[in-house]
N, C-alpha and C. Protein backbone atom coordinates (compact mmCIF):
# COMPACT_ATOMS: atom_id res chain seq x y z
N MET A 1 135.63 65.71 130.69
CA MET A 1 134.51 65.04 131.30
C MET A 1 133.20 65.79 131.02
N GLN A 2 133.23 67.12 131.25
CA GLN A 2 132.02 67.91 131.01
C GLN A 2 131.68 67.95 129.52
N LEU A 3 132.71 67.98 128.69
CA LEU A 3 132.49 68.00 127.25
C LEU A 3 131.79 66.73 126.78
N ILE A 4 132.18 65.62 127.34
CA ILE A 4 131.55 64.35 126.98
C ILE A 4 130.10 64.34 127.45
N MET A 5 129.83 64.88 128.63
CA MET A 5 128.46 64.94 129.14
C MET A 5 127.60 65.85 128.25
N PHE A 6 128.19 66.97 127.84
CA PHE A 6 127.47 67.90 126.97
C PHE A 6 127.17 67.25 125.62
N LYS A 7 128.16 66.55 125.06
CA LYS A 7 127.96 65.85 123.78
C LYS A 7 126.85 64.81 123.90
N THR A 8 126.89 64.05 124.96
CA THR A 8 125.88 63.02 125.18
C THR A 8 124.50 63.65 125.35
N LEU A 9 124.42 64.71 126.12
CA LEU A 9 123.15 65.41 126.32
C LEU A 9 122.62 65.94 124.99
N PHE A 10 123.51 66.52 124.19
CA PHE A 10 123.08 67.06 122.89
C PHE A 10 122.61 65.94 121.96
N GLU A 11 123.35 64.87 121.91
CA GLU A 11 122.98 63.76 121.02
C GLU A 11 121.66 63.12 121.45
N ASP A 12 121.42 63.06 122.72
CA ASP A 12 120.17 62.47 123.22
C ASP A 12 118.96 63.38 122.97
N HIS A 13 119.20 64.69 122.93
CA HIS A 13 118.08 65.63 122.83
C HIS A 13 118.21 66.58 121.63
N LYS A 14 118.95 66.18 120.62
CA LYS A 14 119.20 67.12 119.51
C LYS A 14 117.92 67.52 118.79
N TYR A 15 116.97 66.63 118.63
CA TYR A 15 115.73 66.98 117.94
C TYR A 15 114.89 67.95 118.78
N LEU A 16 114.88 67.73 120.07
CA LEU A 16 114.16 68.63 120.97
C LEU A 16 114.80 70.02 120.97
N ILE A 17 116.13 70.06 120.99
CA ILE A 17 116.85 71.34 120.97
C ILE A 17 116.58 72.07 119.65
N CYS A 18 116.65 71.36 118.55
CA CYS A 18 116.40 71.98 117.23
C CYS A 18 114.95 72.46 117.13
N ALA A 19 114.02 71.68 117.64
CA ALA A 19 112.61 72.08 117.63
C ALA A 19 112.41 73.33 118.47
N GLY A 20 113.05 73.39 119.61
CA GLY A 20 112.95 74.58 120.47
C GLY A 20 113.51 75.82 119.80
N LEU A 21 114.69 75.68 119.17
CA LEU A 21 115.27 76.81 118.45
C LEU A 21 114.40 77.26 117.29
N SER A 22 113.84 76.32 116.59
CA SER A 22 112.95 76.63 115.46
C SER A 22 111.70 77.37 115.95
N THR A 23 111.11 76.89 117.01
CA THR A 23 109.92 77.53 117.58
C THR A 23 110.25 78.95 118.04
N PHE A 24 111.36 79.11 118.72
CA PHE A 24 111.78 80.44 119.17
C PHE A 24 111.97 81.37 117.97
N SER A 25 112.59 80.87 116.93
CA SER A 25 112.82 81.67 115.72
C SER A 25 111.50 82.10 115.09
N LEU A 26 110.54 81.20 115.00
CA LEU A 26 109.23 81.54 114.44
C LEU A 26 108.50 82.59 115.27
N ILE A 27 108.55 82.43 116.58
CA ILE A 27 107.89 83.40 117.47
C ILE A 27 108.54 84.77 117.35
N PHE A 28 109.86 84.80 117.35
CA PHE A 28 110.59 86.06 117.23
C PHE A 28 110.29 86.74 115.90
N THR A 29 110.30 85.98 114.81
CA THR A 29 110.04 86.53 113.48
C THR A 29 108.61 87.05 113.38
N THR A 30 107.66 86.31 113.90
CA THR A 30 106.25 86.74 113.88
C THR A 30 106.08 88.03 114.65
N THR A 31 106.69 88.14 115.81
CA THR A 31 106.61 89.36 116.61
C THR A 31 107.22 90.54 115.85
N ALA A 32 108.34 90.32 115.20
CA ALA A 32 108.99 91.39 114.44
C ALA A 32 108.12 91.83 113.27
N ILE A 33 107.51 90.89 112.57
CA ILE A 33 106.65 91.22 111.43
C ILE A 33 105.42 92.01 111.88
N ILE A 34 104.84 91.62 112.99
CA ILE A 34 103.67 92.35 113.52
C ILE A 34 104.06 93.78 113.87
N SER A 35 105.21 93.94 114.49
CA SER A 35 105.68 95.27 114.86
C SER A 35 105.92 96.13 113.63
N ILE A 36 106.56 95.57 112.61
CA ILE A 36 106.82 96.30 111.37
C ILE A 36 105.51 96.65 110.68
N SER A 37 104.57 95.73 110.68
CA SER A 37 103.27 95.97 110.06
C SER A 37 102.55 97.14 110.71
N LYS A 38 102.59 97.21 112.04
CA LYS A 38 101.96 98.33 112.75
C LYS A 38 102.63 99.64 112.40
N SER A 39 103.95 99.64 112.28
CA SER A 39 104.67 100.86 111.92
C SER A 39 104.32 101.31 110.51
N ILE A 40 104.25 100.37 109.59
CA ILE A 40 103.91 100.71 108.20
C ILE A 40 102.50 101.25 108.12
N ARG A 41 101.57 100.65 108.84
CA ARG A 41 100.19 101.13 108.85
C ARG A 41 100.12 102.55 109.38
N GLU A 42 100.86 102.84 110.44
CA GLU A 42 100.86 104.18 111.02
C GLU A 42 101.42 105.21 110.03
N VAL A 43 102.51 104.86 109.37
CA VAL A 43 103.11 105.77 108.39
C VAL A 43 102.16 106.00 107.22
N SER A 44 101.55 104.94 106.71
CA SER A 44 100.64 105.09 105.57
C SER A 44 99.42 105.92 105.94
N THR A 45 98.93 105.77 107.16
CA THR A 45 97.80 106.59 107.62
C THR A 45 98.19 108.06 107.69
N ASN A 46 99.41 108.33 108.13
CA ASN A 46 99.88 109.71 108.22
C ASN A 46 100.13 110.33 106.84
N LEU A 47 100.31 109.51 105.82
CA LEU A 47 100.58 110.02 104.48
C LEU A 47 99.31 110.33 103.68
N ILE A 48 98.14 109.96 104.18
CA ILE A 48 96.89 110.17 103.44
C ILE A 48 96.68 111.65 103.10
N PRO A 49 96.82 112.59 104.05
CA PRO A 49 96.62 113.99 103.70
C PRO A 49 97.61 114.48 102.62
N ILE A 50 98.83 114.01 102.68
CA ILE A 50 99.83 114.41 101.68
C ILE A 50 99.45 113.85 100.32
N ALA A 51 98.96 112.62 100.28
CA ALA A 51 98.54 112.01 99.01
C ALA A 51 97.36 112.76 98.41
N GLU A 52 96.41 113.16 99.26
CA GLU A 52 95.26 113.92 98.76
C GLU A 52 95.70 115.28 98.22
N TRP A 53 96.62 115.94 98.92
CA TRP A 53 97.13 117.23 98.46
C TRP A 53 97.86 117.06 97.12
N ALA A 54 98.67 116.00 97.01
CA ALA A 54 99.40 115.76 95.76
C ALA A 54 98.44 115.52 94.60
N ASP A 55 97.34 114.81 94.85
CA ASP A 55 96.34 114.59 93.80
C ASP A 55 95.75 115.91 93.31
N THR A 56 95.42 116.79 94.26
CA THR A 56 94.86 118.08 93.84
C THR A 56 95.90 118.92 93.10
N GLN A 57 97.15 118.85 93.52
CA GLN A 57 98.22 119.59 92.83
C GLN A 57 98.40 119.05 91.41
N ASN A 58 98.42 117.73 91.27
CA ASN A 58 98.59 117.14 89.94
C ASN A 58 97.44 117.53 89.01
N GLU A 59 96.22 117.50 89.55
CA GLU A 59 95.07 117.87 88.74
C GLU A 59 95.15 119.34 88.33
N CYS A 60 95.51 120.19 89.25
CA CYS A 60 95.63 121.62 88.96
C CYS A 60 96.71 121.86 87.90
N ILE A 61 97.87 121.24 88.08
CA ILE A 61 98.97 121.43 87.13
C ILE A 61 98.59 120.92 85.75
N THR A 62 97.86 119.81 85.71
CA THR A 62 97.43 119.25 84.42
C THR A 62 96.48 120.20 83.70
N LYS A 63 95.61 120.86 84.44
CA LYS A 63 94.57 121.69 83.82
C LYS A 63 94.99 123.15 83.63
N THR A 64 96.06 123.58 84.27
CA THR A 64 96.47 124.98 84.23
C THR A 64 97.17 125.32 82.91
N PHE A 65 96.80 126.47 82.37
CA PHE A 65 97.43 127.01 81.16
C PHE A 65 97.38 126.06 79.98
N ARG A 66 96.24 125.46 79.75
CA ARG A 66 96.05 124.62 78.57
C ARG A 66 95.03 125.30 77.68
N ILE A 67 95.39 125.47 76.46
CA ILE A 67 94.48 126.02 75.47
C ILE A 67 94.40 125.00 74.35
N ASP A 68 93.21 124.50 74.10
CA ASP A 68 92.99 123.45 73.10
C ASP A 68 93.88 122.23 73.36
N GLY A 69 94.07 121.91 74.63
CA GLY A 69 94.85 120.73 74.99
C GLY A 69 96.35 120.90 74.89
N LYS A 70 96.82 122.10 74.53
CA LYS A 70 98.27 122.33 74.40
C LYS A 70 98.81 123.02 75.65
N ASN A 71 99.98 122.59 76.05
CA ASN A 71 100.66 123.16 77.22
C ASN A 71 101.22 124.52 76.82
N THR A 72 100.71 125.60 77.43
CA THR A 72 101.16 126.94 77.06
C THR A 72 102.16 127.52 78.05
N GLN A 73 102.39 126.85 79.16
CA GLN A 73 103.34 127.33 80.18
C GLN A 73 104.20 126.17 80.67
N GLY A 74 105.34 126.49 81.23
CA GLY A 74 106.21 125.46 81.80
C GLY A 74 105.73 125.01 83.17
N ILE A 75 106.30 123.95 83.64
CA ILE A 75 105.93 123.37 84.94
C ILE A 75 106.12 124.38 86.09
N PRO A 76 107.24 125.13 86.15
CA PRO A 76 107.38 126.06 87.28
C PRO A 76 106.24 127.08 87.36
N SER A 77 105.78 127.59 86.21
CA SER A 77 104.68 128.55 86.21
C SER A 77 103.39 127.90 86.68
N LYS A 78 103.17 126.65 86.28
CA LYS A 78 101.97 125.94 86.69
C LYS A 78 101.97 125.69 88.21
N VAL A 79 103.10 125.25 88.73
CA VAL A 79 103.21 124.99 90.18
C VAL A 79 102.99 126.29 90.94
N TRP A 80 103.59 127.35 90.47
CA TRP A 80 103.46 128.66 91.12
C TRP A 80 102.00 129.08 91.15
N SER A 81 101.30 128.91 90.04
CA SER A 81 99.90 129.28 89.95
C SER A 81 99.04 128.40 90.86
N CYS A 82 99.28 127.11 90.88
CA CYS A 82 98.49 126.18 91.68
C CYS A 82 98.69 126.38 93.18
N ASN A 83 99.83 126.92 93.56
CA ASN A 83 100.13 127.14 94.98
C ASN A 83 99.75 128.54 95.44
N GLY A 84 98.95 129.23 94.65
CA GLY A 84 98.43 130.53 95.08
C GLY A 84 99.18 131.72 94.56
N GLY A 85 100.14 131.51 93.68
CA GLY A 85 100.87 132.65 93.11
C GLY A 85 100.05 133.34 92.03
N GLY A 86 100.33 134.58 91.80
CA GLY A 86 99.67 135.30 90.71
C GLY A 86 98.31 135.84 91.12
N ASP A 87 97.57 136.23 90.11
CA ASP A 87 96.27 136.85 90.36
C ASP A 87 95.16 135.83 90.48
C-alpha cells in the first residue's frame, strides 16, 4: 500500500524532484569549487617568497663560473657558491 502511494507520489512529482536534486547538486558543487579556489589562492600566495628565492637562485647558478659563456663548474659547485659557500 505504501509502495503504491510512494510510486504515485513520485510519478506525479518526478520533474519537481529531479529539479530539486539538480539544484541541490549545483549549489553543493559551487560551494565546493569556491572553497577549493580559496585554498588554492592561499597556497599560491604563500609560495610567492619561495618562487622569488628560486628565481634568484636560478639566476645566480646561470651566471656563476662562466667564462666566455662556457660552464666551468658543475651544478653542485654552483649551488654551493650561490648559497653562501666559499669565499
